[in-house]
Amino acid sequence: MKLGKRLFNRKKRKFILFVILAIFGLSLLKSKFAPEFSLKKPNISCHYEKTVSYLRILQNNSTLPSKSIFFHDTSCSGNLTARQSCAIESATRAHPDWQINVIYSSPISYNIKGVSQLKRFKNVKFWRLHIDDFSIGTPLENLVKSDLLKNCRYGVERTLDVLKYLTLYKWGGIFIDLDMIVGRPLGSLARNWAAREDNEVIAEAILAFSRDSVGRIISENAVRHIQSNYKNSDWCSSPNTMTKVLQNSCSTSEATYMSSATCNGFEVYGQQFFYPLPKEKAHEYFMRRELGIHNAYTYYLWGQDTKKYKLVRDSPYSKLARHYCPMTYQLFEHYLGLY
């Protein structure tokens, strides 16, 4: 009797251990193969709100100059952060003869800190965009109508991808991420270009597509790539649109060898000109030290990877902001490092 009871208890313990290990194993598989479902999805319903906006609506038939720079905010925060203000101001100061378009895909408050100051620059235009109307008649209309962006773990980022490529597809110009400081004018560069993030990836925080045949082909290929791949399970978490588009457009599939000579006139610049600090060293922007970086066109701060860092006096970021966005530096000095 006691022997049978011991055998029963032993089998029971083995069964419980098996269940625990099975649950643990399934959780690992879920996090590895379906990461887009492992974290809470952001609420991006603001992109579809049709509330009255005091900003002018950017429509499909809006006329924009060929010298246009675009910033997109898809965060649903409804405000303007210090870093965003610095990005806009630095681009504006470097390009007085370009139109700087700051585009919100959600309603924003009327009295946002920094907006009135940026409006002092005559070439800065603030817009509101309705994503569902904006996508009508484009290859990405069905994507926007679907619930994929709403259900995506990276819905904010993928919405930004959709809007920046559609914007360049419609008008051409230069897209700049709101976490980037512009240090030099971009007008002297090639008409169509991107830059490497490293030896394998073409980065997407700054892109230039003109209205000529080269720009039209690349912008359409980018939009078509998203159209063809958004239903795939990995598009939400890792799109790498430009890398894949250029791998299909250039005579080489290796980012290191991509250039205007190998990419039919589309230029690919080195990392040092636009991303002088790689992601793994981004924290050095906020340390009290010298980086020895000179002549970069832009300085990318790597968004989410540095969002919790605060401004440190005499840090590289402090010096860059003081020089390239002095108005923002004075207005947001105590909050400037925060994303």
C-alpha atoms as a PDB file:
ATOM      1  CA  MET A   1       0.000   0.000   0.000  1.00  0.00           C
ATOM      2  CA  LYS A   2       2.774   2.440   1.011  1.00  0.00           C
ATOM      3  CA  LEU A   3       4.838   1.413  -2.027  1.00  0.00           C
ATOM      4  CA  GLY A   4       1.915   2.176  -4.335  1.00  0.00           C
ATOM      5  CA  LYS A   5       1.400   5.553  -2.700  1.00  0.00           C
ATOM      6  CA  ARG A   6       5.078   6.440  -3.107  1.00  0.00           C
ATOM      7  CA  LEU A   7       4.959   5.471  -6.785  1.00  0.00           C
ATOM      8  CA  PHE A   8       1.843   7.598  -7.241  1.00  0.00           C
ATOM      9  CA  ASN A   9       3.472  10.631  -5.576  1.00  0.00           C
ATOM     10  CA  ARG A  10       6.604  10.173  -7.672  1.00  0.00           C
ATOM     11  CA  LYS A  11       4.567  10.100 -10.901  1.00  0.00           C
ATOM     12  CA  LYS A  12       2.614  13.121  -9.716  1.00  0.00           C
ATOM     13  CA  ARG A  13       5.810  15.100  -9.091  1.00  0.00           C
ATOM     14  CA  LYS A  14       7.170  14.104 -12.509  1.00  0.00           C
ATOM     15  CA  PHE A  15       3.932  15.193 -14.161  1.00  0.00           C
ATOM     16  CA  ILE A  16       3.984  18.572 -12.391  1.00  0.00           C
ATOM     17  CA  LEU A  17       7.630  19.061 -13.353  1.00  0.00           C
ATOM     18  CA  PHE A  18       6.790  18.170 -16.967  1.00  0.00           C
ATOM     19  CA  VAL A  19       3.960  20.730 -17.041  1.00  0.00           C
ATOM     20  CA  ILE A  20       6.208  23.461 -15.608  1.00  0.00           C
ATOM     21  CA  LEU A  21       8.961  22.737 -18.133  1.00  0.00           C
ATOM     22  CA  ALA A  22       6.436  22.626 -20.982  1.00  0.00           C
ATOM     23  CA  ILE A  23       4.990  26.019 -20.031  1.00  0.00           C
ATOM     24  CA  PHE A  24       8.486  27.486 -19.721  1.00  0.00           C
ATOM     25  CA  GLY A  25       9.486  26.062 -23.094  1.00  0.00           C
ATOM     26  CA  LEU A  26       6.386  27.414 -24.806  1.00  0.00           C
ATOM     27  CA  SER A  27       7.009  30.869 -23.347  1.00  0.00           C
ATOM     28  CA  LEU A  28      10.552  30.819 -24.744  1.00  0.00           C
ATOM     29  CA  LEU A  29       9.308  29.783 -28.170  1.00  0.00           C
ATOM     30  CA  LYS A  30       6.686  32.502 -28.124  1.00  0.00           C
ATOM     31  CA  SER A  31       9.190  35.208 -27.217  1.00  0.00           C
ATOM     32  CA  LYS A  32      11.660  33.974 -29.855  1.00  0.00           C
ATOM     33  CA  PHE A  33       9.413  33.298 -32.816  1.00  0.00           C
ATOM     34  CA  ALA A  34       6.549  35.727 -32.170  1.00  0.00           C
ATOM     35  CA  PRO A  35       8.137  38.749 -30.469  1.00  0.00           C
ATOM     36  CA  GLU A  36       5.528  41.083 -31.878  1.00  0.00           C
ATOM     37  CA  PHE A  37       2.990  39.520 -29.547  1.00  0.00           C
ATOM     38  CA  SER A  38       5.177  39.341 -26.427  1.00  0.00           C
ATOM     39  CA  LEU A  39       4.714  42.965 -25.352  1.00  0.00           C
ATOM     40  CA  LYS A  40       1.714  45.210 -24.998  1.00  0.00           C
ATOM     41  CA  LYS A  41       0.785  46.862 -28.275  1.00  0.00           C
ATOM     42  CA  PRO A  42       0.724  50.680 -28.341  1.00  0.00           C
ATOM     43  CA  ASN A  43      -2.576  52.473 -28.723  1.00  0.00           C
ATOM     44  CA  ILE A  44      -2.389  54.294 -32.059  1.00  0.00           C
ATOM     45  CA  SER A  45      -6.103  54.947 -32.461  1.00  0.00           C
ATOM     46  CA  CYS A  46      -5.209  58.660 -32.489  1.00  0.00           C
ATOM     47  CA  HIS A  47      -4.064  58.265 -36.108  1.00  0.00           C
ATOM     48  CA  TYR A  48      -7.655  57.642 -37.133  1.00  0.00           C
ATOM     49  CA  GLU A  49      -9.308  60.456 -35.177  1.00  0.00           C
ATOM     50  CA  LYS A  50     -11.043  63.095 -37.281  1.00  0.00           C
ATOM     51  CA  THR A  51     -11.326  65.756 -34.600  1.00  0.00           C
ATOM     52  CA  VAL A  52     -11.034  69.395 -35.590  1.00  0.00           C
ATOM     53  CA  SER A  53      -7.398  70.400 -35.932  1.00  0.00           C
ATOM     54  CA  TYR A  54      -5.957  73.887 -35.780  1.00  0.00           C
ATOM     55  CA  LEU A  55      -3.166  72.661 -38.051  1.00  0.00           C
ATOM     56  CA  ARG A  56      -3.560  72.772 -41.801  1.00  0.00           C
ATOM     57  CA  ILE A  57      -4.447  69.355 -43.265  1.00  0.00           C
ATOM     58  CA  LEU A  58      -1.858  67.797 -45.578  1.00  0.00           C
ATOM     59  CA  GLN A  59      -3.843  66.310 -48.455  1.00  0.00           C
ATOM     60  CA  ASN A  60      -3.029  64.289 -51.544  1.00  0.00           C
ATOM     61  CA  ASN A  61      -3.442  67.362 -53.753  1.00  0.00           C
ATOM     62  CA  SER A  62      -1.348  69.667 -51.568  1.00  0.00           C
ATOM     63  CA  THR A  63       1.396  71.433 -53.516  1.00  0.00           C
ATOM     64  CA  LEU A  64       4.852  71.292 -51.965  1.00  0.00           C
ATOM     65  CA  PRO A  65       8.165  72.623 -53.307  1.00  0.00           C
ATOM     66  CA  SER A  66      10.835  70.236 -54.559  1.00  0.00           C
ATOM     67  CA  LYS A  67      13.108  71.537 -51.806  1.00  0.00           C
ATOM     68  CA  SER A  68      11.080  69.991 -49.011  1.00  0.00           C
ATOM     69  CA  ILE A  69      12.247  68.394 -45.773  1.00  0.00           C
ATOM     70  CA  PHE A  70       9.814  66.196 -43.860  1.00  0.00           C
ATOM     71  CA  PHE A  71       9.515  65.317 -40.187  1.00  0.00           C
ATOM     72  CA  HIS A  72       6.773  62.872 -39.130  1.00  0.00           C
ATOM     73  CA  ASP A  73       5.439  62.431 -35.594  1.00  0.00           C
ATOM     74  CA  THR A  74       3.429  59.214 -35.159  1.00  0.00           C
ATOM     75  CA  SER A  75       3.823  58.937 -31.378  1.00  0.00           C
ATOM     76  CA  CYS A  76       0.265  60.026 -30.440  1.00  0.00           C
ATOM     77  CA  SER A  77       1.821  62.103 -27.645  1.00  0.00           C
ATOM     78  CA  GLY A  78       0.254  65.303 -28.927  1.00  0.00           C
ATOM     79  CA  ASN A  79       3.248  67.417 -27.976  1.00  0.00           C
ATOM     80  CA  LEU A  80       6.744  68.436 -29.046  1.00  0.00           C
ATOM     81  CA  THR A  81       9.713  67.102 -27.101  1.00  0.00           C
ATOM     82  CA  ALA A  82      13.012  68.890 -26.636  1.00  0.00           C
ATOM     83  CA  ARG A  83      14.854  66.513 -28.960  1.00  0.00           C
ATOM     84  CA  GLN A  84      12.197  66.910 -31.637  1.00  0.00           C
ATOM     85  CA  SER A  85      12.371  70.677 -31.392  1.00  0.00           C
ATOM     86  CA  CYS A  86      16.162  70.519 -31.719  1.00  0.00           C
ATOM     87  CA  ALA A  87      15.918  68.326 -34.820  1.00  0.00           C
ATOM     88  CA  ILE A  88      13.502  70.730 -36.489  1.00  0.00           C
ATOM     89  CA  GLU A  89      15.430  73.853 -35.525  1.00  0.00           C
ATOM     90  CA  SER A  90      18.779  72.447 -36.651  1.00  0.00           C
ATOM     91  CA  ALA A  91      17.365  71.436 -40.042  1.00  0.00           C
ATOM     92  CA  THR A  92      15.687  74.817 -40.429  1.00  0.00           C
ATOM     93  CA  ARG A  93      18.835  76.798 -39.681  1.00  0.00           C
ATOM     94  CA  ALA A  94      20.853  74.690 -42.124  1.00  0.00           C
ATOM     95  CA  HIS A  95      18.259  75.055 -44.912  1.00  0.00           C
ATOM     96  CA  PRO A  96      16.778  78.572 -44.985  1.00  0.00           C
ATOM     97  CA  ASP A  97      15.712  78.151 -48.623  1.00  0.00           C
ATOM     98  CA  TRP A  98      13.952  74.801 -48.047  1.00  0.00           C
ATOM     99  CA  GLN A  99      10.427  74.244 -46.751  1.00  0.00           C
ATOM    100  CA  ILE A 100      10.510  72.345 -43.440  1.00  0.00           C
ATOM    101  CA  ASN A 101       7.326  70.279 -43.042  1.00  0.00           C
ATOM    102  CA  VAL A 102       6.476  68.995 -39.550  1.00  0.00           C
ATOM    103  CA  ILE A 103       3.640  66.497 -39.924  1.00  0.00           C
ATOM    104  CA  TYR A 104       1.499  65.104 -37.100  1.00  0.00           C
ATOM    105  CA  SER A 105      -0.638  62.021 -37.691  1.00  0.00           C
ATOM    106  CA  SER A 106      -2.679  62.733 -34.544  1.00  0.00           C
ATOM    107  CA  PRO A 107      -4.372  65.747 -32.949  1.00  0.00           C
ATOM    108  CA  ILE A 108      -2.043  68.017 -30.988  1.00  0.00           C
ATOM    109  CA  SER A 109      -2.634  70.597 -28.288  1.00  0.00           C
ATOM    110  CA  TYR A 110      -2.967  74.222 -29.307  1.00  0.00           C
ATOM    111  CA  ASN A 111      -0.335  75.627 -26.967  1.00  0.00           C
ATOM    112  CA  ILE A 112       2.577  73.245 -27.357  1.00  0.00           C
ATOM    113  CA  LYS A 113       5.852  74.395 -25.871  1.00  0.00           C
ATOM    114  CA  GLY A 114       8.287  75.139 -28.658  1.00  0.00           C
ATOM    115  CA  VAL A 115       5.850  75.316 -31.576  1.00  0.00           C
ATOM    116  CA  SER A 116       5.320  79.073 -31.411  1.00  0.00           C
ATOM    117  CA  GLN A 117       9.090  79.573 -31.314  1.00  0.00           C
ATOM    118  CA  LEU A 118       9.636  77.348 -34.352  1.00  0.00           C
ATOM    119  CA  LYS A 119       6.902  79.194 -36.224  1.00  0.00           C
ATOM    120  CA  ARG A 120       9.121  82.259 -36.132  1.00  0.00           C
ATOM    121  CA  PHE A 121      11.042  80.628 -38.950  1.00  0.00           C
ATOM    122  CA  LYS A 122       9.103  81.481 -42.101  1.00  0.00           C
ATOM    123  CA  ASN A 123      10.052  78.227 -43.838  1.00  0.00           C
ATOM    124  CA  VAL A 124       8.616  75.938 -41.115  1.00  0.00           C
ATOM    125  CA  LYS A 125       5.133  74.551 -41.794  1.00  0.00           C
ATOM    126  CA  PHE A 126       3.122  72.443 -39.343  1.00  0.00           C
ATOM    127  CA  TRP A 127       0.610  69.969 -40.770  1.00  0.00           C
ATOM    128  CA  ARG A 128      -1.976  67.438 -39.603  1.00  0.00           C
ATOM    129  CA  LEU A 129      -2.349  64.268 -41.661  1.00  0.00           C
ATOM    130  CA  HIS A 130      -5.240  61.769 -41.697  1.00  0.00           C
ATOM    131  CA  ILE A 131      -3.582  58.460 -42.537  1.00  0.00           C
ATOM    132  CA  ASP A 132      -6.673  56.782 -43.970  1.00  0.00           C
ATOM    133  CA  ASP A 133      -7.338  59.674 -46.368  1.00  0.00           C
ATOM    134  CA  PHE A 134      -3.631  60.078 -47.123  1.00  0.00           C
ATOM    135  CA  SER A 135      -3.303  56.476 -48.297  1.00  0.00           C
ATOM    136  CA  ILE A 136      -6.322  56.466 -50.625  1.00  0.00           C
ATOM    137  CA  GLY A 137      -5.330  55.567 -54.169  1.00  0.00           C
ATOM    138  CA  THR A 138      -1.852  54.404 -53.149  1.00  0.00           C
ATOM    139  CA  PRO A 139      -0.440  50.854 -53.018  1.00  0.00           C
ATOM    140  CA  LEU A 140      -0.671  50.991 -49.208  1.00  0.00           C
ATOM    141  CA  GLU A 141      -4.377  51.791 -48.973  1.00  0.00           C
ATOM    142  CA  ASN A 142      -5.315  48.219 -48.004  1.00  0.00           C
ATOM    143  CA  LEU A 143      -2.587  48.076 -45.359  1.00  0.00           C
ATOM    144  CA  VAL A 144      -3.911  51.214 -43.691  1.00  0.00           C
ATOM    145  CA  LYS A 145      -7.498  49.954 -43.884  1.00  0.00           C
ATOM    146  CA  SER A 146      -6.525  46.669 -42.245  1.00  0.00           C
ATOM    147  CA  ASP A 147      -5.972  46.363 -38.491  1.00  0.00           C
ATOM    148  CA  LEU A 148      -2.333  45.364 -38.868  1.00  0.00           C
ATOM    149  CA  LEU A 149      -0.856  48.688 -37.767  1.00  0.00           C
ATOM    150  CA  LYS A 150      -3.200  48.813 -34.775  1.00  0.00           C
ATOM    151  CA  ASN A 151      -2.309  45.266 -33.724  1.00  0.00           C
ATOM    152  CA  CYS A 152       1.422  45.568 -34.305  1.00  0.00           C
ATOM    153  CA  ARG A 153       3.772  45.685 -31.333  1.00  0.00           C
ATOM    154  CA  TYR A 154       5.709  48.350 -33.229  1.00  0.00           C
ATOM    155  CA  GLY A 155       2.668  50.185 -34.560  1.00  0.00           C
ATOM    156  CA  VAL A 156       4.194  53.632 -34.023  1.00  0.00           C
ATOM    157  CA  GLU A 157       7.353  52.738 -35.944  1.00  0.00           C
ATOM    158  CA  ARG A 158       5.584  50.921 -38.781  1.00  0.00           C
ATOM    159  CA  THR A 159       3.118  53.794 -39.176  1.00  0.00           C
ATOM    160  CA  LEU A 160       6.132  56.078 -39.504  1.00  0.00           C
ATOM    161  CA  ASP A 161       7.531  53.792 -42.217  1.00  0.00           C
ATOM    162  CA  VAL A 162       4.266  53.892 -44.135  1.00  0.00           C
ATOM    163  CA  LEU A 163       3.972  57.672 -43.936  1.00  0.00           C
ATOM    164  CA  LYS A 164       7.572  58.583 -44.724  1.00  0.00           C
ATOM    165  CA  TYR A 165       7.688  56.375 -47.810  1.00  0.00           C
ATOM    166  CA  LEU A 166       4.273  57.562 -48.998  1.00  0.00           C
ATOM    167  CA  THR A 167       5.358  61.181 -48.496  1.00  0.00           C
ATOM    168  CA  LEU A 168       8.523  60.715 -50.553  1.00  0.00           C
ATOM    169  CA  TYR A 169       6.515  58.693 -53.086  1.00  0.00           C
ATOM    170  CA  LYS A 170       4.084  61.606 -53.530  1.00  0.00           C
ATOM    171  CA  TRP A 171       6.352  64.657 -53.419  1.00  0.00           C
ATOM    172  CA  GLY A 172       9.998  63.693 -53.180  1.00  0.00           C
ATOM    173  CA  GLY A 173      12.338  65.499 -50.809  1.00  0.00           C
ATOM    174  CA  ILE A 174      14.285  64.573 -47.694  1.00  0.00           C
ATOM    175  CA  PHE A 175      12.890  62.683 -44.706  1.00  0.00           C
ATOM    176  CA  ILE A 176      14.641  63.248 -41.366  1.00  0.00           C
ATOM    177  CA  ASP A 177      13.938  61.429 -38.120  1.00  0.00           C
ATOM    178  CA  LEU A 178      12.899  63.593 -35.169  1.00  0.00           C
ATOM    179  CA  ASP A 179      15.812  62.254 -33.116  1.00  0.00           C
ATOM    180  CA  MET A 180      18.522  63.601 -35.403  1.00  0.00           C
ATOM    181  CA  ILE A 181      20.542  66.819 -35.221  1.00  0.00           C
ATOM    182  CA  VAL A 182      21.418  68.374 -38.577  1.00  0.00           C
ATOM    183  CA  GLY A 183      24.906  69.858 -38.630  1.00  0.00           C
ATOM    184  CA  ARG A 184      25.475  70.712 -42.290  1.00  0.00           C
ATOM    185  CA  PRO A 185      23.339  71.654 -45.315  1.00  0.00           C
ATOM    186  CA  LEU A 186      22.213  68.642 -47.322  1.00  0.00           C
ATOM    187  CA  GLY A 187      21.524  70.381 -50.619  1.00  0.00           C
ATOM    188  CA  SER A 188      25.013  69.787 -52.020  1.00  0.00           C
ATOM    189  CA  LEU A 189      24.654  66.003 -51.771  1.00  0.00           C
ATOM    190  CA  ALA A 190      23.369  63.695 -54.493  1.00  0.00           C
ATOM    191  CA  ARG A 191      19.705  64.053 -55.406  1.00  0.00           C
ATOM    192  CA  ASN A 192      18.849  60.530 -54.263  1.00  0.00           C
ATOM    193  CA  TRP A 193      20.591  58.851 -51.359  1.00  0.00           C
ATOM    194  CA  ALA A 194      20.579  56.911 -48.126  1.00  0.00           C
ATOM    195  CA  ALA A 195      23.361  55.993 -45.698  1.00  0.00           C
ATOM    196  CA  ARG A 196      24.698  52.817 -44.183  1.00  0.00           C
ATOM    197  CA  GLU A 197      24.029  52.024 -40.536  1.00  0.00           C
ATOM    198  CA  ASP A 198      26.816  49.441 -40.643  1.00  0.00           C
ATOM    199  CA  ASN A 199      28.328  47.045 -43.168  1.00  0.00           C
ATOM    200  CA  GLU A 200      25.072  45.101 -43.509  1.00  0.00           C
ATOM    201  CA  VAL A 201      22.153  47.510 -43.056  1.00  0.00           C
ATOM    202  CA  ILE A 202      20.996  50.615 -44.923  1.00  0.00           C
ATOM    203  CA  ALA A 203      19.607  52.973 -42.293  1.00  0.00           C
ATOM    204  CA  GLU A 204      16.289  54.797 -42.669  1.00  0.00           C
ATOM    205  CA  ALA A 205      16.489  57.751 -40.258  1.00  0.00           C
ATOM    206  CA  ILE A 206      17.356  60.073 -43.146  1.00  0.00           C
ATOM    207  CA  LEU A 207      16.461  59.487 -46.808  1.00  0.00           C
ATOM    208  CA  ALA A 208      16.498  61.628 -49.944  1.00  0.00           C
ATOM    209  CA  PHE A 209      14.355  60.818 -52.995  1.00  0.00           C
ATOM    210  CA  SER A 210      14.005  63.437 -55.717  1.00  0.00           C
ATOM    211  CA  ARG A 211      11.325  63.615 -58.378  1.00  0.00           C
ATOM    212  CA  ASP A 212      13.653  62.435 -61.133  1.00  0.00           C
ATOM    213  CA  SER A 213      13.515  58.928 -62.590  1.00  0.00           C
ATOM    214  CA  VAL A 214      15.976  57.484 -60.050  1.00  0.00           C
ATOM    215  CA  GLY A 215      14.050  58.845 -57.088  1.00  0.00           C
ATOM    216  CA  ARG A 216      10.709  57.789 -58.521  1.00  0.00           C
ATOM    217  CA  ILE A 217      11.893  54.226 -59.101  1.00  0.00           C
ATOM    218  CA  ILE A 218      13.343  53.801 -55.596  1.00  0.00           C
ATOM    219  CA  SER A 219      10.368  55.403 -53.829  1.00  0.00           C
ATOM    220  CA  GLU A 220       7.915  53.245 -55.759  1.00  0.00           C
ATOM    221  CA  ASN A 221       9.991  50.134 -55.095  1.00  0.00           C
ATOM    222  CA  ALA A 222       9.948  50.941 -51.375  1.00  0.00           C
ATOM    223  CA  VAL A 223       6.178  51.375 -51.307  1.00  0.00           C
ATOM    224  CA  ARG A 224       5.666  48.217 -53.376  1.00  0.00           C
ATOM    225  CA  HIS A 225       7.978  46.290 -51.059  1.00  0.00           C
ATOM    226  CA  ILE A 226       5.851  47.231 -48.052  1.00  0.00           C
ATOM    227  CA  GLN A 227       2.708  46.361 -50.007  1.00  0.00           C
ATOM    228  CA  SER A 228       4.065  42.901 -50.818  1.00  0.00           C
ATOM    229  CA  ASN A 229       5.443  42.098 -47.370  1.00  0.00           C
ATOM    230  CA  TYR A 230       3.240  43.683 -44.707  1.00  0.00           C
ATOM    231  CA  LYS A 231       1.225  40.485 -44.255  1.00  0.00           C
ATOM    232  CA  ASN A 232       4.373  38.529 -43.377  1.00  0.00           C
ATOM    233  CA  SER A 233       4.768  37.892 -39.664  1.00  0.00           C
ATOM    234  CA  ASP A 234       8.209  39.524 -39.440  1.00  0.00           C
ATOM    235  CA  TRP A 235       7.349  42.837 -41.162  1.00  0.00           C
ATOM    236  CA  CYS A 236       5.936  44.301 -37.968  1.00  0.00           C
ATOM    237  CA  SER A 237       9.093  43.722 -35.954  1.00  0.00           C
ATOM    238  CA  SER A 238      11.869  44.004 -38.534  1.00  0.00           C
ATOM    239  CA  PRO A 239      11.085  45.555 -41.926  1.00  0.00           C
ATOM    240  CA  ASN A 240      14.533  46.823 -43.137  1.00  0.00           C
ATOM    241  CA  THR A 241      12.784  48.262 -46.173  1.00  0.00           C
ATOM    242  CA  MET A 242      15.691  50.203 -47.716  1.00  0.00           C
ATOM    243  CA  THR A 243      18.173  47.369 -47.286  1.00  0.00           C
ATOM    244  CA  LYS A 244      15.901  44.961 -49.109  1.00  0.00           C
ATOM    245  CA  VAL A 245      14.888  47.447 -51.802  1.00  0.00           C
ATOM    246  CA  LEU A 246      18.505  48.230 -52.654  1.00  0.00           C
ATOM    247  CA  GLN A 247      19.490  44.569 -52.572  1.00  0.00           C
ATOM    248  CA  ASN A 248      16.935  44.084 -55.342  1.00  0.00           C
ATOM    249  CA  SER A 249      17.861  47.288 -57.212  1.00  0.00           C
ATOM    250  CA  CYS A 250      21.661  47.312 -57.074  1.00  0.00           C
ATOM    251  CA  SER A 251      24.165  45.065 -58.794  1.00  0.00           C
ATOM    252  CA  THR A 252      25.433  44.000 -55.355  1.00  0.00           C
ATOM    253  CA  SER A 253      23.542  42.688 -52.342  1.00  0.00           C
ATOM    254  CA  GLU A 254      26.238  43.793 -49.876  1.00  0.00           C
ATOM    255  CA  ALA A 255      25.625  47.173 -48.254  1.00  0.00           C
ATOM    256  CA  THR A 256      29.365  47.870 -48.095  1.00  0.00           C
ATOM    257  CA  TYR A 257      29.605  47.989 -51.892  1.00  0.00           C
ATOM    258  CA  MET A 258      26.398  49.901 -52.588  1.00  0.00           C
ATOM    259  CA  SER A 259      26.957  53.261 -54.298  1.00  0.00           C
ATOM    260  CA  SER A 260      25.674  55.305 -57.223  1.00  0.00           C
ATOM    261  CA  ALA A 261      27.877  53.168 -59.488  1.00  0.00           C
ATOM    262  CA  THR A 262      26.332  49.892 -58.322  1.00  0.00           C
ATOM    263  CA  CYS A 263      22.799  51.191 -57.616  1.00  0.00           C
ATOM    264  CA  ASN A 264      21.854  52.848 -60.920  1.00  0.00           C
ATOM    265  CA  GLY A 265      22.513  56.391 -59.757  1.00  0.00           C
ATOM    266  CA  PHE A 266      21.208  56.036 -56.195  1.00  0.00           C
ATOM    267  CA  GLU A 267      23.976  57.061 -53.793  1.00  0.00           C
ATOM    268  CA  VAL A 268      24.726  55.279 -50.519  1.00  0.00           C
ATOM    269  CA  TYR A 269      26.902  57.254 -48.116  1.00  0.00           C
ATOM    270  CA  GLY A 270      29.085  55.944 -45.326  1.00  0.00           C
ATOM    271  CA  GLN A 271      27.911  55.692 -41.749  1.00  0.00           C
ATOM    272  CA  GLN A 272      30.368  58.334 -40.560  1.00  0.00           C
ATOM    273  CA  PHE A 273      28.505  61.143 -42.325  1.00  0.00           C
ATOM    274  CA  PHE A 274      25.066  60.583 -40.769  1.00  0.00           C
ATOM    275  CA  TYR A 275      25.408  58.025 -37.961  1.00  0.00           C
ATOM    276  CA  PRO A 276      28.885  58.858 -36.600  1.00  0.00           C
ATOM    277  CA  LEU A 277      28.239  56.983 -33.354  1.00  0.00           C
ATOM    278  CA  PRO A 278      26.916  53.425 -33.757  1.00  0.00           C
ATOM    279  CA  LYS A 279      23.955  52.325 -31.664  1.00  0.00           C
ATOM    280  CA  GLU A 280      26.073  50.483 -29.101  1.00  0.00           C
ATOM    281  CA  LYS A 281      28.005  53.702 -28.373  1.00  0.00           C
ATOM    282  CA  ALA A 282      25.057  56.108 -28.430  1.00  0.00           C
ATOM    283  CA  HIS A 283      25.290  56.680 -24.668  1.00  0.00           C
ATOM    284  CA  GLU A 284      28.559  58.531 -25.294  1.00  0.00           C
ATOM    285  CA  TYR A 285      26.549  61.505 -26.584  1.00  0.00           C
ATOM    286  CA  PHE A 286      25.462  62.057 -22.975  1.00  0.00           C
ATOM    287  CA  MET A 287      28.818  61.613 -21.235  1.00  0.00           C
ATOM    288  CA  ARG A 288      31.204  64.385 -20.279  1.00  0.00           C
ATOM    289  CA  ARG A 289      33.871  63.646 -22.864  1.00  0.00           C
ATOM    290  CA  GLU A 290      35.136  64.519 -26.345  1.00  0.00           C
ATOM    291  CA  LEU A 291      34.131  62.301 -29.272  1.00  0.00           C
ATOM    292  CA  GLY A 292      36.454  63.670 -31.923  1.00  0.00           C
ATOM    293  CA  ILE A 293      33.659  63.658 -34.526  1.00  0.00           C
ATOM    294  CA  HIS A 294      34.023  66.282 -37.239  1.00  0.00           C
ATOM    295  CA  ASN A 295      32.197  67.167 -40.462  1.00  0.00           C
ATOM    296  CA  ALA A 296      29.198  64.869 -39.994  1.00  0.00           C
ATOM    297  CA  TYR A 297      26.061  66.027 -41.782  1.00  0.00           C
ATOM    298  CA  THR A 298      23.796  64.683 -39.047  1.00  0.00           C
ATOM    299  CA  TYR A 299      24.040  63.121 -35.599  1.00  0.00           C
ATOM    300  CA  TYR A 300      21.515  60.394 -34.844  1.00  0.00           C
ATOM    301  CA  LEU A 301      20.713  59.857 -31.158  1.00  0.00           C
ATOM    302  CA  TRP A 302      19.180  56.375 -31.584  1.00  0.00           C
ATOM    303  CA  GLY A 303      15.739  57.099 -30.127  1.00  0.00           C
ATOM    304  CA  GLN A 304      14.577  54.403 -27.752  1.00  0.00           C
ATOM    305  CA  ASP A 305      18.128  53.364 -26.877  1.00  0.00           C
ATOM    306  CA  THR A 306      18.908  56.749 -25.315  1.00  0.00           C
ATOM    307  CA  LYS A 307      15.459  58.054 -24.371  1.00  0.00           C
ATOM    308  CA  LYS A 308      16.113  57.996 -20.604  1.00  0.00           C
ATOM    309  CA  TYR A 309      19.359  59.944 -20.712  1.00  0.00           C
ATOM    310  CA  LYS A 310      19.301  63.485 -19.370  1.00  0.00           C
ATOM    311  CA  LEU A 311      21.349  66.424 -20.527  1.00  0.00           C
ATOM    312  CA  VAL A 312      24.866  66.509 -19.093  1.00  0.00           C
ATOM    313  CA  ARG A 313      26.670  69.814 -19.361  1.00  0.00           C
ATOM    314  CA  ASP A 314      29.713  69.742 -21.629  1.00  0.00           C
ATOM    315  CA  SER A 315      28.626  66.402 -23.087  1.00  0.00           C
ATOM    316  CA  PRO A 316      28.753  66.034 -26.882  1.00  0.00           C
ATOM    317  CA  TYR A 317      24.956  66.306 -27.107  1.00  0.00           C
ATOM    318  CA  SER A 318      24.954  69.456 -24.985  1.00  0.00           C
ATOM    319  CA  LYS A 319      27.554  71.057 -27.248  1.00  0.00           C
ATOM    320  CA  LEU A 320      25.754  69.986 -30.429  1.00  0.00           C
ATOM    321  CA  ALA A 321      22.427  71.343 -29.195  1.00  0.00           C
ATOM    322  CA  ARG A 322      23.942  74.618 -28.009  1.00  0.00           C
ATOM    323  CA  HIS A 323      25.487  75.140 -31.442  1.00  0.00           C
ATOM    324  CA  TYR A 324      22.847  73.806 -33.860  1.00  0.00           C
ATOM    325  CA  CYS A 325      19.578  74.471 -31.990  1.00  0.00           C
ATOM    326  CA  PRO A 326      20.351  77.376 -29.625  1.00  0.00           C
ATOM    327  CA  MET A 327      16.733  78.472 -29.280  1.00  0.00           C
ATOM    328  CA  THR A 328      15.658  74.980 -28.212  1.00  0.00           C
ATOM    329  CA  TYR A 329      18.654  74.707 -25.915  1.00  0.00           C
ATOM    330  CA  GLN A 330      17.613  77.856 -24.094  1.00  0.00           C
ATOM    331  CA  LEU A 331      13.932  76.887 -23.941  1.00  0.00           C
ATOM    332  CA  PHE A 332      14.316  73.240 -22.901  1.00  0.00           C
ATOM    333  CA  GLU A 333      17.709  73.287 -21.190  1.00  0.00           C
ATOM    334  CA  HIS A 334      16.667  71.179 -18.190  1.00  0.00           C
ATOM    335  CA  TYR A 335      14.780  68.628 -20.316  1.00  0.00           C
ATOM    336  CA  LEU A 336      16.848  68.577 -23.475  1.00  0.00           C
ATOM    337  CA  GLY A 337      18.251  65.070 -23.152  1.00  0.00           C
ATOM    338  CA  LEU A 338      14.866  63.423 -22.741  1.00  0.00           C
ATOM    339  CA  TYR A 339      13.225  61.936 -25.823  1.00  0.00           C
END
